[in-house]
Amino acid sequence: MTEEFDFEKNMKNLKQIVSKLENGDLPIDEALKNFEQGVKISSSLKKYLDDAQKKIDENLSQLNLDSQRKGDQDEV
């Protein structure tokens, strides 16, 4: 079963990782592991936002097409 992506949860996790890394008192191996996890989460968040932007753009484009069609019909 596929788990739905939880943007807020992932954002919170990324903030926690960044905070740990900024604190600077992690052993290098653990810091590297946290960094890699942060990169993966960041990539997932970016993909989610890119997909959301694409959906918004598609909906706005469709709305503009519908408005243009209505305007064309009003001219007839």
C-alpha atoms as a PDB file:
ATOM      1  CA  MET A   1       0.000   0.000   0.000  1.00  0.00           C
ATOM      2  CA  THR A   2       1.335   3.451  -0.967  1.00  0.00           C
ATOM      3  CA  GLU A   3       1.439   6.054   1.781  1.00  0.00           C
ATOM      4  CA  GLU A   4       0.243   9.536   0.790  1.00  0.00           C
ATOM      5  CA  PHE A   5       2.916  12.237   0.833  1.00  0.00           C
ATOM      6  CA  ASP A   6       2.602  14.501   3.877  1.00  0.00           C
ATOM      7  CA  PHE A   7       4.212  17.821   2.967  1.00  0.00           C
ATOM      8  CA  GLU A   8       4.007  19.335   6.451  1.00  0.00           C
ATOM      9  CA  LYS A   9       5.445  16.245   8.140  1.00  0.00           C
ATOM     10  CA  ASN A  10       8.350  16.116   5.699  1.00  0.00           C
ATOM     11  CA  MET A  11       8.975  19.845   6.092  1.00  0.00           C
ATOM     12  CA  LYS A  12       9.070  19.418   9.880  1.00  0.00           C
ATOM     13  CA  ASN A  13      11.531  16.509   9.528  1.00  0.00           C
ATOM     14  CA  LEU A  14      13.762  18.586   7.254  1.00  0.00           C
ATOM     15  CA  LYS A  15      13.763  21.477   9.739  1.00  0.00           C
ATOM     16  CA  GLN A  16      14.767  19.077  12.522  1.00  0.00           C
ATOM     17  CA  ILE A  17      17.621  17.714  10.429  1.00  0.00           C
ATOM     18  CA  VAL A  18      18.839  21.200   9.558  1.00  0.00           C
ATOM     19  CA  SER A  19      18.709  22.170  13.225  1.00  0.00           C
ATOM     20  CA  LYS A  20      20.776  19.113  14.201  1.00  0.00           C
ATOM     21  CA  LEU A  21      23.342  19.869  11.508  1.00  0.00           C
ATOM     22  CA  GLU A  22      23.547  23.555  12.432  1.00  0.00           C
ATOM     23  CA  ASN A  23      24.101  22.632  16.067  1.00  0.00           C
ATOM     24  CA  GLY A  24      27.342  21.005  14.970  1.00  0.00           C
ATOM     25  CA  ASP A  25      27.797  18.454  17.716  1.00  0.00           C
ATOM     26  CA  LEU A  26      26.987  15.320  15.724  1.00  0.00           C
ATOM     27  CA  PRO A  27      29.668  12.745  14.939  1.00  0.00           C
ATOM     28  CA  ILE A  28      30.709  13.024  11.295  1.00  0.00           C
ATOM     29  CA  ASP A  29      29.073   9.709  10.299  1.00  0.00           C
ATOM     30  CA  GLU A  30      25.770  10.723  11.843  1.00  0.00           C
ATOM     31  CA  ALA A  31      26.022  14.205  10.317  1.00  0.00           C
ATOM     32  CA  LEU A  32      26.591  12.690   6.881  1.00  0.00           C
ATOM     33  CA  LYS A  33      23.639  10.333   7.331  1.00  0.00           C
ATOM     34  CA  ASN A  34      21.433  13.266   8.386  1.00  0.00           C
ATOM     35  CA  PHE A  35      22.652  15.341   5.456  1.00  0.00           C
ATOM     36  CA  GLU A  36      21.823  12.568   2.980  1.00  0.00           C
ATOM     37  CA  GLN A  37      18.372  12.145   4.520  1.00  0.00           C
ATOM     38  CA  GLY A  38      17.845  15.906   4.314  1.00  0.00           C
ATOM     39  CA  VAL A  39      18.770  15.934   0.633  1.00  0.00           C
ATOM     40  CA  LYS A  40      16.261  13.141  -0.062  1.00  0.00           C
ATOM     41  CA  ILE A  41      13.497  14.938   1.838  1.00  0.00           C
ATOM     42  CA  SER A  42      14.338  18.223   0.124  1.00  0.00           C
ATOM     43  CA  SER A  43      14.156  16.540  -3.264  1.00  0.00           C
ATOM     44  CA  SER A  44      10.758  15.024  -2.419  1.00  0.00           C
ATOM     45  CA  LEU A  45       9.447  18.399  -1.252  1.00  0.00           C
ATOM     46  CA  LYS A  46      10.662  20.074  -4.448  1.00  0.00           C
ATOM     47  CA  LYS A  47       9.006  17.428  -6.615  1.00  0.00           C
ATOM     48  CA  TYR A  48       5.753  17.832  -4.674  1.00  0.00           C
ATOM     49  CA  LEU A  49       5.825  21.616  -5.136  1.00  0.00           C
ATOM     50  CA  ASP A  50       6.740  21.302  -8.828  1.00  0.00           C
ATOM     51  CA  ASP A  51       3.819  18.914  -9.374  1.00  0.00           C
ATOM     52  CA  ALA A  52       1.473  21.259  -7.502  1.00  0.00           C
ATOM     53  CA  GLN A  53       2.650  24.206  -9.630  1.00  0.00           C
ATOM     54  CA  LYS A  54       2.063  22.175 -12.790  1.00  0.00           C
ATOM     55  CA  LYS A  55      -1.508  21.386 -11.689  1.00  0.00           C
ATOM     56  CA  ILE A  56      -2.148  25.045 -10.879  1.00  0.00           C
ATOM     57  CA  ASP A  57      -0.776  26.136 -14.257  1.00  0.00           C
ATOM     58  CA  GLU A  58      -2.923  23.553 -16.057  1.00  0.00           C
ATOM     59  CA  ASN A  59      -6.049  24.681 -14.202  1.00  0.00           C
ATOM     60  CA  LEU A  60      -5.346  28.358 -14.887  1.00  0.00           C
ATOM     61  CA  SER A  61      -4.720  27.568 -18.530  1.00  0.00           C
ATOM     62  CA  GLN A  62      -8.030  25.712 -18.729  1.00  0.00           C
ATOM     63  CA  LEU A  63      -9.789  28.598 -16.988  1.00  0.00           C
ATOM     64  CA  ASN A  64      -8.314  31.041 -19.507  1.00  0.00           C
ATOM     65  CA  LEU A  65      -9.431  28.819 -22.398  1.00  0.00           C
ATOM     66  CA  ASP A  66     -12.936  28.626 -20.969  1.00  0.00           C
ATOM     67  CA  SER A  67     -13.034  32.417 -20.545  1.00  0.00           C
ATOM     68  CA  GLN A  68     -11.833  32.965 -24.108  1.00  0.00           C
ATOM     69  CA  ARG A  69     -14.451  30.571 -25.471  1.00  0.00           C
ATOM     70  CA  LYS A  70     -17.175  32.329 -23.517  1.00  0.00           C
ATOM     71  CA  GLY A  71     -15.941  35.681 -24.833  1.00  0.00           C
ATOM     72  CA  ASP A  72     -15.988  34.339 -28.397  1.00  0.00           C
ATOM     73  CA  GLN A  73     -19.563  33.122 -27.927  1.00  0.00           C
ATOM     74  CA  ASP A  74     -20.649  36.518 -26.556  1.00  0.00           C
ATOM     75  CA  GLU A  75     -19.341  38.235 -29.708  1.00  0.00           C
ATOM     76  CA  VAL A  76     -21.529  36.128 -32.007  1.00  0.00           C
END
